[in-house]
Amino acid sequence: MKANRAYELLVHRGGRGPALLRAKDEADHVEVVEIDSGEVVLFWDTTPQQTGRLSRALKADLAQMDAGAFLAHWRRYETR
């Protein structure tokens, strides 16, 4: 099964406005949620500048990889 059928990507911005105008201490949150259970399986706190790159990379891998390979690949980069 493709990862984008099993997981959903959620991005929560720490503040309003574009990333370049926000303070560096306003953290964004990037989550990968299991669709069936609604449980968060991967989570990152990122700076506004990192959020866009991370979400684009996650979206690309969600579309290309199967669910097991996606979790195995991204779990090593997860922060808690």
C-alpha atoms as a PDB file:
ATOM      1  CA  MET A   1       0.000   0.000   0.000  1.00  0.00           C
ATOM      2  CA  LYS A   2       1.285   3.477  -0.869  1.00  0.00           C
ATOM      3  CA  ALA A   3       2.219   5.614   2.117  1.00  0.00           C
ATOM      4  CA  ASN A   4      -0.140   8.432   1.104  1.00  0.00           C
ATOM      5  CA  ARG A   5      -3.073   6.014   1.524  1.00  0.00           C
ATOM      6  CA  ALA A   6      -1.992   5.056   5.059  1.00  0.00           C
ATOM      7  CA  TYR A   7      -0.654   8.382   6.387  1.00  0.00           C
ATOM      8  CA  GLU A   8      -1.571  12.065   6.298  1.00  0.00           C
ATOM      9  CA  LEU A   9       0.833  14.998   6.593  1.00  0.00           C
ATOM     10  CA  LEU A  10      -0.154  17.838   8.951  1.00  0.00           C
ATOM     11  CA  VAL A  11       1.791  21.106   9.245  1.00  0.00           C
ATOM     12  CA  HIS A  12       1.023  23.531  12.083  1.00  0.00           C
ATOM     13  CA  ARG A  13       2.575  26.983  11.736  1.00  0.00           C
ATOM     14  CA  GLY A  14       3.848  28.616  14.923  1.00  0.00           C
ATOM     15  CA  GLY A  15       2.819  32.095  13.886  1.00  0.00           C
ATOM     16  CA  ARG A  16       1.203  34.184  11.217  1.00  0.00           C
ATOM     17  CA  GLY A  17       2.820  35.497   8.096  1.00  0.00           C
ATOM     18  CA  PRO A  18       5.608  34.263   5.872  1.00  0.00           C
ATOM     19  CA  ALA A  19       8.550  32.378   7.333  1.00  0.00           C
ATOM     20  CA  LEU A  20      11.010  35.183   6.560  1.00  0.00           C
ATOM     21  CA  LEU A  21       9.090  37.665   8.712  1.00  0.00           C
ATOM     22  CA  ARG A  22       8.488  35.446  11.738  1.00  0.00           C
ATOM     23  CA  ALA A  23      10.740  35.239  14.777  1.00  0.00           C
ATOM     24  CA  LYS A  24      13.223  32.378  14.873  1.00  0.00           C
ATOM     25  CA  ASP A  25      11.842  31.137  18.213  1.00  0.00           C
ATOM     26  CA  GLU A  26       8.372  30.432  16.758  1.00  0.00           C
ATOM     27  CA  ALA A  27       8.505  26.693  16.133  1.00  0.00           C
ATOM     28  CA  ASP A  28       6.379  24.949  13.520  1.00  0.00           C
ATOM     29  CA  HIS A  29       5.151  21.397  13.988  1.00  0.00           C
ATOM     30  CA  VAL A  30       5.167  18.745  11.274  1.00  0.00           C
ATOM     31  CA  GLU A  31       3.241  15.531  11.945  1.00  0.00           C
ATOM     32  CA  VAL A  32       2.597  12.339  10.033  1.00  0.00           C
ATOM     33  CA  VAL A  33      -0.685  10.827  11.209  1.00  0.00           C
ATOM     34  CA  GLU A  34      -1.971   7.311  10.603  1.00  0.00           C
ATOM     35  CA  ILE A  35      -5.305   7.676   8.806  1.00  0.00           C
ATOM     36  CA  ASP A  36      -6.982   4.573  10.268  1.00  0.00           C
ATOM     37  CA  SER A  37      -6.288   5.321  13.929  1.00  0.00           C
ATOM     38  CA  GLY A  38      -5.650   9.077  13.914  1.00  0.00           C
ATOM     39  CA  GLU A  39      -2.454   8.455  15.895  1.00  0.00           C
ATOM     40  CA  VAL A  40       0.700  10.522  15.315  1.00  0.00           C
ATOM     41  CA  VAL A  41       3.464   8.221  14.067  1.00  0.00           C
ATOM     42  CA  LEU A  42       6.146  10.834  13.253  1.00  0.00           C
ATOM     43  CA  PHE A  43       6.649  14.333  14.700  1.00  0.00           C
ATOM     44  CA  TRP A  44       9.102  17.208  14.211  1.00  0.00           C
ATOM     45  CA  ASP A  45       9.491  20.686  15.736  1.00  0.00           C
ATOM     46  CA  THR A  46      11.058  22.834  13.028  1.00  0.00           C
ATOM     47  CA  THR A  47      12.116  26.392  12.414  1.00  0.00           C
ATOM     48  CA  PRO A  48      10.012  28.303   9.877  1.00  0.00           C
ATOM     49  CA  GLN A  49      12.830  27.999   7.316  1.00  0.00           C
ATOM     50  CA  GLN A  50      13.022  24.189   7.676  1.00  0.00           C
ATOM     51  CA  THR A  51       9.285  23.526   7.521  1.00  0.00           C
ATOM     52  CA  GLY A  52       8.835  24.005   3.774  1.00  0.00           C
ATOM     53  CA  ARG A  53      11.739  21.773   2.796  1.00  0.00           C
ATOM     54  CA  LEU A  54      10.715  19.027   5.214  1.00  0.00           C
ATOM     55  CA  SER A  55       7.061  19.039   4.140  1.00  0.00           C
ATOM     56  CA  ARG A  56       7.983  18.902   0.424  1.00  0.00           C
ATOM     57  CA  ALA A  57      10.323  15.953   1.028  1.00  0.00           C
ATOM     58  CA  LEU A  58       7.678  14.136   3.094  1.00  0.00           C
ATOM     59  CA  LYS A  59       4.987  14.710   0.434  1.00  0.00           C
ATOM     60  CA  ALA A  60       7.252  13.350  -2.293  1.00  0.00           C
ATOM     61  CA  ASP A  61       8.087  10.226  -0.306  1.00  0.00           C
ATOM     62  CA  LEU A  62       4.442   9.700   0.716  1.00  0.00           C
ATOM     63  CA  ALA A  63       3.518   9.588  -2.984  1.00  0.00           C
ATOM     64  CA  GLN A  64       6.366   7.272  -4.030  1.00  0.00           C
ATOM     65  CA  MET A  65       7.071   4.828  -1.189  1.00  0.00           C
ATOM     66  CA  ASP A  66       5.049   2.052   0.366  1.00  0.00           C
ATOM     67  CA  ALA A  67       3.891   2.540   3.970  1.00  0.00           C
ATOM     68  CA  GLY A  68       6.481   0.304   5.663  1.00  0.00           C
ATOM     69  CA  ALA A  69       9.440   1.704   3.739  1.00  0.00           C
ATOM     70  CA  PHE A  70       8.273   5.274   4.410  1.00  0.00           C
ATOM     71  CA  LEU A  71       8.178   4.740   8.183  1.00  0.00           C
ATOM     72  CA  ALA A  72      11.524   2.949   8.219  1.00  0.00           C
ATOM     73  CA  HIS A  73      13.147   5.746   6.213  1.00  0.00           C
ATOM     74  CA  TRP A  74      11.768   8.737   8.147  1.00  0.00           C
ATOM     75  CA  ARG A  75      11.797   7.298  11.663  1.00  0.00           C
ATOM     76  CA  ARG A  76      15.553   7.827  11.938  1.00  0.00           C
ATOM     77  CA  TYR A  77      15.060  11.608  11.502  1.00  0.00           C
ATOM     78  CA  GLU A  78      12.224  11.947  13.994  1.00  0.00           C
ATOM     79  CA  THR A  79      12.542  14.157  17.075  1.00  0.00           C
ATOM     80  CA  ARG A  80      10.450  13.836  20.231  1.00  0.00           C
END
